[in-house]
């Protein structure tokens, strides 16, 4: 079975890691959101891409899920003393990633090629691809104006009320090299438990033409990032409420309506099973909270077994 996983953020990285414990390197490709990429302190920073790569490499901070384990903060501490902008925290090891990525981009290397080289250096065996080599920027339409995503998410701590989203540059962006080929070969696409609005929708905007070519032999399965009306991490539930939608596993399934063959959600939301089936998709209820590596592997195995049933 060949799988393409769509991922962004900590939840997406965790499931991708679980899948990587089960599938061989040639069986899994993870396509990662780059809509939250931005330039800061002269660096080109790819938060979701780095979170997925660090997690697959076993380098991620186990407490936060993002950044590097055993990190030090000498540069940030000294930057703060000098009055520099320290609202986006960059650890010393993490900063080396951004420094080298920025250098390579400036001499003309595409992001996908740089990501491949980094994964090789970190020992990541499974393919990781940015959704596009072209810059696409997630813009948040908030109650006090339009904000770049990191300004909203980190600097403003998700406090502004959300009214909608725009993906600047998406019209002219093409899938990164290898993305279409991975989709062509895939038996199934798994949408990881990532924020539907700002982690998955940018990828789907890039992939809609290839997705339109899917035939009945291929399936798309999503895993809900919302458990009991709340998100484990991030502002997805808050976004749903502010957009006038009750946050729930059903709301996530409905978000992807028309795309999914099946939907996986937590047993705490088991009462929603018939509503979700009513969206013309199969439903699977299990424990989706990934608190340790065993949880990641268990959920990944159950998702793969569910895919077998759907196919």
Protein backbone atom coordinates (compact mmCIF):
# COMPACT_ATOMS: atom_id res chain seq x y z
CA UNK A 1 0.00 0.00 0.00
CA UNK A 2 1.33 3.44 -0.95
CA UNK A 3 0.20 6.33 1.21
CA UNK A 4 0.36 10.10 0.82
CA UNK A 5 -0.14 11.97 4.10
CA UNK A 6 -1.09 15.64 4.15
CA UNK A 7 0.23 17.29 7.30
CA UNK A 8 0.89 20.50 9.14
CA UNK A 9 1.55 21.28 12.78
CA UNK A 10 2.13 18.98 15.74
CA UNK A 11 -0.87 16.68 15.28
CA UNK A 12 -0.06 16.07 11.64
CA UNK A 13 3.59 15.42 12.46
CA UNK A 14 2.66 12.88 15.14
CA UNK A 15 0.49 10.79 12.83
CA UNK A 16 3.08 10.99 10.05
CA UNK A 17 5.61 9.68 12.58
CA UNK A 18 3.28 6.83 13.53
CA UNK A 19 2.82 5.89 9.88
CA UNK A 20 6.59 5.97 9.39
CA UNK A 21 6.98 3.33 12.12
CA UNK A 22 4.83 0.92 10.10
CA UNK A 23 5.32 1.73 6.42
CA UNK A 24 8.51 1.23 4.45
CA UNK A 25 10.25 4.36 3.11
CA UNK A 26 8.90 3.76 -0.41
CA UNK A 27 5.36 3.43 0.91
CA UNK A 28 4.90 6.83 2.59
CA UNK A 29 5.20 10.38 1.27
CA UNK A 30 4.27 13.30 3.51
CA UNK A 31 3.23 16.53 1.81
CA UNK A 32 3.54 19.46 4.20
CA UNK A 33 1.83 22.83 4.42
CA UNK A 34 4.09 25.79 3.66
CA UNK A 35 1.39 28.47 3.92
CA UNK A 36 2.73 29.50 7.32
CA UNK A 37 6.29 30.05 6.04
CA UNK A 38 7.62 33.56 6.57
CA UNK A 39 10.78 35.67 6.69
CA UNK A 40 11.97 36.85 10.08
CA UNK A 41 15.33 38.21 11.27
CA UNK A 42 16.57 37.68 7.74
CA UNK A 43 15.76 33.95 7.87
CA UNK A 44 13.35 31.95 5.70
CA UNK A 45 11.39 29.95 8.27
CA UNK A 46 9.16 26.92 7.52
CA UNK A 47 7.45 26.04 10.82
CA UNK A 48 5.24 23.14 9.67
CA UNK A 49 7.90 21.65 7.43
CA UNK A 50 10.45 21.73 10.24
CA UNK A 51 8.01 20.28 12.78
CA UNK A 52 7.30 17.31 10.51
CA UNK A 53 10.97 16.75 9.67
CA UNK A 54 12.18 17.10 13.26
CA UNK A 55 9.46 14.69 14.43
CA UNK A 56 10.29 12.06 11.80
CA UNK A 57 13.97 12.42 12.68
CA UNK A 58 13.34 12.01 16.42
CA UNK A 59 14.70 15.51 17.03
CA UNK A 60 11.50 17.32 18.07
CA UNK A 61 11.00 18.77 21.53
CA UNK A 62 8.82 16.13 23.25
CA UNK A 63 7.14 18.70 25.51
CA UNK A 64 6.07 21.25 22.90
CA UNK A 65 6.01 19.05 19.79
CA UNK A 66 7.75 21.84 17.85
CA UNK A 67 11.36 23.02 17.86
CA UNK A 68 14.36 20.88 18.79
CA UNK A 69 14.95 18.71 21.83
CA UNK A 70 17.75 19.73 24.23
CA UNK A 71 17.58 23.22 22.76
CA UNK A 72 19.52 26.25 24.00
CA UNK A 73 18.45 29.89 23.64
CA UNK A 74 21.64 31.95 23.73
CA UNK A 75 20.91 33.93 20.56
CA UNK A 76 17.34 34.79 21.61
CA UNK A 77 18.40 35.84 25.10
CA UNK A 78 21.06 38.16 23.72
CA UNK A 79 18.76 39.46 20.99
CA UNK A 80 16.22 40.37 23.66
CA UNK A 81 18.87 42.22 25.68
CA UNK A 82 19.65 44.27 22.59
CA UNK A 83 15.99 45.18 22.09
CA UNK A 84 15.48 42.99 19.02
CA UNK A 85 12.20 41.27 18.09
CA UNK A 86 12.04 38.11 20.21
CA UNK A 87 8.34 37.25 19.88
CA UNK A 88 9.09 34.34 17.54
CA UNK A 89 11.33 32.08 19.59
CA UNK A 90 14.17 30.46 17.65
CA UNK A 91 16.46 28.05 19.47
CA UNK A 92 20.15 27.88 18.64
CA UNK A 93 19.97 24.49 16.88
CA UNK A 94 16.77 25.46 15.10
CA UNK A 95 18.36 28.68 13.91
CA UNK A 96 21.05 26.70 12.09
CA UNK A 97 18.28 25.07 10.03
CA UNK A 98 16.90 28.45 9.00
CA UNK A 99 20.34 29.91 8.36
CA UNK A 100 21.33 27.12 5.97
CA UNK A 101 17.92 27.02 4.27
CA UNK A 102 18.08 30.77 3.65
CA UNK A 103 21.60 30.51 2.25
CA UNK A 104 20.62 27.76 -0.17
CA UNK A 105 17.47 29.55 -1.31
CA UNK A 106 19.51 32.68 -2.07
CA UNK A 107 21.81 30.74 -4.40
CA UNK A 108 18.84 29.31 -6.27
CA UNK A 109 18.10 25.90 -4.71
CA UNK A 110 14.37 25.09 -4.56
CA UNK A 111 12.74 24.40 -1.21
CA UNK A 112 11.95 20.78 -2.13
CA UNK A 113 15.61 20.04 -2.88
CA UNK A 114 16.74 21.70 0.34
CA UNK A 115 14.17 19.71 2.33
CA UNK A 116 15.42 16.46 0.79
CA UNK A 117 19.03 17.32 1.70
CA UNK A 118 18.04 18.19 5.28
CA UNK A 119 16.09 14.93 5.66
CA UNK A 120 19.11 12.97 4.46
CA UNK A 121 21.32 14.77 6.98
CA UNK A 122 18.85 14.06 9.81
CA UNK A 123 18.35 10.40 8.84
CA UNK A 124 14.73 10.72 7.71
CA UNK A 125 14.10 7.77 5.37
CA UNK A 126 10.53 8.55 4.28
CA UNK A 127 9.89 11.21 1.63
CA UNK A 128 8.88 14.66 2.86
CA UNK A 129 7.79 17.26 0.30
CA UNK A 130 6.73 20.88 0.69
CA UNK A 131 3.37 21.43 -1.00
CA UNK A 132 5.04 23.88 -3.42
CA UNK A 133 8.40 25.46 -4.15
CA UNK A 134 6.57 28.74 -4.78
CA UNK A 135 5.77 31.00 -1.81
CA UNK A 136 2.14 30.77 -0.66
CA UNK A 137 1.18 32.84 2.37
CA UNK A 138 -1.78 32.21 4.64
CA UNK A 139 -3.46 35.51 5.48
CA UNK A 140 -5.97 35.75 8.32
CA UNK A 141 -8.93 38.07 7.88
CA UNK A 142 -9.40 39.23 11.47
CA UNK A 143 -11.74 41.68 13.14
CA UNK A 144 -9.03 44.35 13.12
CA UNK A 145 -7.76 43.75 9.57
CA UNK A 146 -5.76 41.22 7.59
CA UNK A 147 -2.81 39.61 9.36
CA UNK A 148 0.00 37.37 8.15
CA UNK A 149 -0.42 33.99 9.78
CA UNK A 150 2.55 34.12 12.17
CA UNK A 151 1.56 37.62 13.23
CA UNK A 152 -1.87 36.23 14.15
CA UNK A 153 -0.71 32.88 15.52
CA UNK A 154 2.45 33.71 17.47
CA UNK A 155 2.76 37.49 17.89
CA UNK A 156 -0.93 38.07 18.61
CA UNK A 157 -1.43 34.63 20.21
CA UNK A 158 -4.57 33.91 18.18
CA UNK A 159 -6.41 36.65 20.08
CA UNK A 160 -7.99 38.52 17.10
CA UNK A 161 -11.39 37.20 16.04
CA UNK A 162 -11.21 35.30 12.75
CA UNK A 163 -13.49 36.16 9.82
CA UNK A 164 -11.87 34.14 7.02
CA UNK A 165 -8.64 33.16 5.27
CA UNK A 166 -6.81 33.94 2.05
CA UNK A 167 -3.84 32.13 0.52
CA UNK A 168 -1.72 34.77 -1.14
CA UNK A 169 0.13 33.47 -4.21
CA UNK A 170 -1.79 30.20 -4.50
CA UNK A 171 -3.14 31.00 -7.99
CA UNK A 172 0.30 30.86 -9.57
CA UNK A 173 1.77 28.11 -7.40
CA UNK A 174 2.41 24.60 -8.70
CA UNK A 175 2.87 21.43 -6.65
CA UNK A 176 6.49 20.81 -5.73
CA UNK A 177 8.43 18.25 -7.79
CA UNK A 178 7.40 14.77 -6.75
CA UNK A 179 3.97 15.73 -5.41
CA UNK A 180 1.95 14.79 -8.49
CA UNK A 181 3.96 11.60 -8.93
CA UNK A 182 3.32 10.58 -5.31
CA UNK A 183 -0.41 11.19 -5.74
CA UNK A 184 -0.49 9.20 -8.97
CA UNK A 185 1.11 6.20 -7.25
CA UNK A 186 -0.84 6.46 -3.99
CA UNK A 187 -3.60 4.04 -3.08
CA UNK A 188 -4.85 6.42 -0.39
CA UNK A 189 -4.40 9.97 0.82
CA UNK A 190 -4.54 10.47 4.60
CA UNK A 191 -5.42 13.93 5.85
CA UNK A 192 -3.67 14.06 9.21
CA UNK A 193 -5.24 15.61 12.34
CA UNK A 194 -4.12 19.12 11.42
CA UNK A 195 -6.02 22.41 11.42
CA UNK A 196 -8.40 22.17 8.41
CA UNK A 197 -8.45 25.93 7.81
CA UNK A 198 -4.76 26.85 7.91
CA UNK A 199 -2.78 23.58 7.70
CA UNK A 200 -4.74 21.46 5.22
CA UNK A 201 -6.72 23.93 3.07
CA UNK A 202 -3.52 25.52 1.64
CA UNK A 203 -2.35 22.06 0.54
CA UNK A 204 -5.74 21.23 -0.95
CA UNK A 205 -5.71 24.49 -2.91
CA UNK A 206 -2.41 23.44 -4.47
CA UNK A 207 -3.54 19.84 -5.06
CA UNK A 208 -7.05 20.34 -6.44
CA UNK A 209 -6.12 19.62 -10.09
CA UNK A 210 -4.33 16.35 -9.22
CA UNK A 211 -7.14 15.42 -6.83
CA UNK A 212 -9.68 15.92 -9.60
CA UNK A 213 -7.95 13.09 -11.48
CA UNK A 214 -8.52 10.56 -8.67
CA UNK A 215 -10.64 7.60 -9.76
CA UNK A 216 -12.83 5.32 -7.67
CA UNK A 217 -9.90 3.05 -6.81
CA UNK A 218 -8.32 5.73 -4.64
CA UNK A 219 -9.58 6.80 -1.25
CA UNK A 220 -9.11 9.88 0.92
CA UNK A 221 -9.28 9.39 4.69
CA UNK A 222 -9.18 12.19 7.28
CA UNK A 223 -8.46 12.04 11.01
CA UNK A 224 -10.21 14.63 13.15
CA UNK A 225 -8.06 17.13 15.06
CA UNK A 226 -11.06 18.00 17.25
CA UNK A 227 -11.89 15.79 20.24
CA UNK A 228 -14.95 16.52 22.34
CA UNK A 229 -15.32 19.96 20.78
CA UNK A 230 -11.73 20.97 21.58
CA UNK A 231 -8.37 20.83 19.83
CA UNK A 232 -5.39 19.23 21.51
CA UNK A 233 -3.17 22.06 20.25
CA UNK A 234 -3.77 25.18 18.20
CA UNK A 235 -6.73 27.45 17.46
CA UNK A 236 -8.90 25.25 15.17
CA UNK A 237 -11.84 25.04 17.61
CA UNK A 238 -11.68 28.80 18.24
CA UNK A 239 -11.67 29.42 14.48
CA UNK A 240 -14.73 27.25 13.97
CA UNK A 241 -16.65 29.10 16.69
CA UNK A 242 -15.70 32.52 15.33
CA UNK A 243 -16.81 31.47 11.85
CA UNK A 244 -20.22 30.53 13.25
CA UNK A 245 -19.67 26.74 13.22
CA UNK A 246 -19.92 24.57 16.32
CA UNK A 247 -16.49 22.89 16.65
CA UNK A 248 -16.83 19.12 16.51
CA UNK A 249 -15.64 16.04 14.67
CA UNK A 250 -18.77 16.40 12.53
CA UNK A 251 -17.75 19.95 11.57
CA UNK A 252 -14.36 18.66 10.43
CA UNK A 253 -15.93 15.84 8.40
CA UNK A 254 -18.33 18.33 6.83
CA UNK A 255 -15.40 20.64 6.01
CA UNK A 256 -14.00 17.87 3.77
CA UNK A 257 -17.39 16.76 2.45
CA UNK A 258 -17.25 15.50 -1.13
CA UNK A 259 -13.56 14.62 -0.82
CA UNK A 260 -13.53 11.87 1.80
CA UNK A 261 -14.15 8.15 1.55
CA UNK A 262 -13.78 7.70 5.29
CA UNK A 263 -13.36 9.62 8.52
CA UNK A 264 -11.59 8.65 11.75
CA UNK A 265 -12.55 10.35 15.01
CA UNK A 266 -12.29 9.90 18.76
CA UNK A 267 -14.49 7.61 20.82
CA UNK A 268 -15.49 10.62 22.94
CA UNK A 269 -17.47 11.73 19.89
CA UNK A 270 -19.00 8.31 19.14
CA UNK A 271 -22.50 9.79 19.31
CA UNK A 272 -21.75 11.58 16.01
CA UNK A 273 -21.23 8.40 14.00
CA UNK A 274 -24.59 8.42 12.22
CA UNK A 275 -24.34 12.13 11.43
CA UNK A 276 -20.92 11.56 9.87
CA UNK A 277 -22.12 8.55 7.89
CA UNK A 278 -24.90 10.82 6.61
CA UNK A 279 -22.19 12.85 4.83
CA UNK A 280 -21.69 9.86 2.49
CA UNK A 281 -18.48 8.62 4.08
CA UNK A 282 -17.53 5.65 6.22
CA UNK A 283 -16.82 6.32 9.89
CA UNK A 284 -14.33 4.76 12.29
CA UNK A 285 -14.26 5.48 16.02
CA UNK A 286 -11.13 4.94 18.12
CA UNK A 287 -8.71 6.71 20.46
CA UNK A 288 -7.13 9.53 18.44
CA UNK A 289 -5.20 11.29 21.23
CA UNK A 290 -1.49 10.66 20.67
CA UNK A 291 0.30 11.15 23.98
CA UNK A 292 3.24 8.82 23.31
CA UNK A 293 4.95 6.92 20.49
CA UNK A 294 2.82 3.81 21.13
CA UNK A 295 -0.32 5.94 20.66
CA UNK A 296 1.02 7.23 17.34
CA UNK A 297 1.76 3.71 16.09
CA UNK A 298 -1.57 2.36 17.32
CA UNK A 299 -3.57 5.11 15.61
CA UNK A 300 -1.53 4.73 12.43
CA UNK A 301 -2.17 0.97 12.39
CA UNK A 302 -5.90 1.45 12.92
CA UNK A 303 -6.06 4.07 10.17
CA UNK A 304 -4.26 1.71 7.78
CA UNK A 305 -6.59 -1.16 8.70
CA UNK A 306 -9.58 1.14 8.13
CA UNK A 307 -8.18 2.05 4.72
CA UNK A 308 -8.07 -1.66 3.89
CA UNK A 309 -11.76 -1.93 4.73
CA UNK A 310 -12.63 1.16 2.68
CA UNK A 311 -10.69 -0.05 -0.36
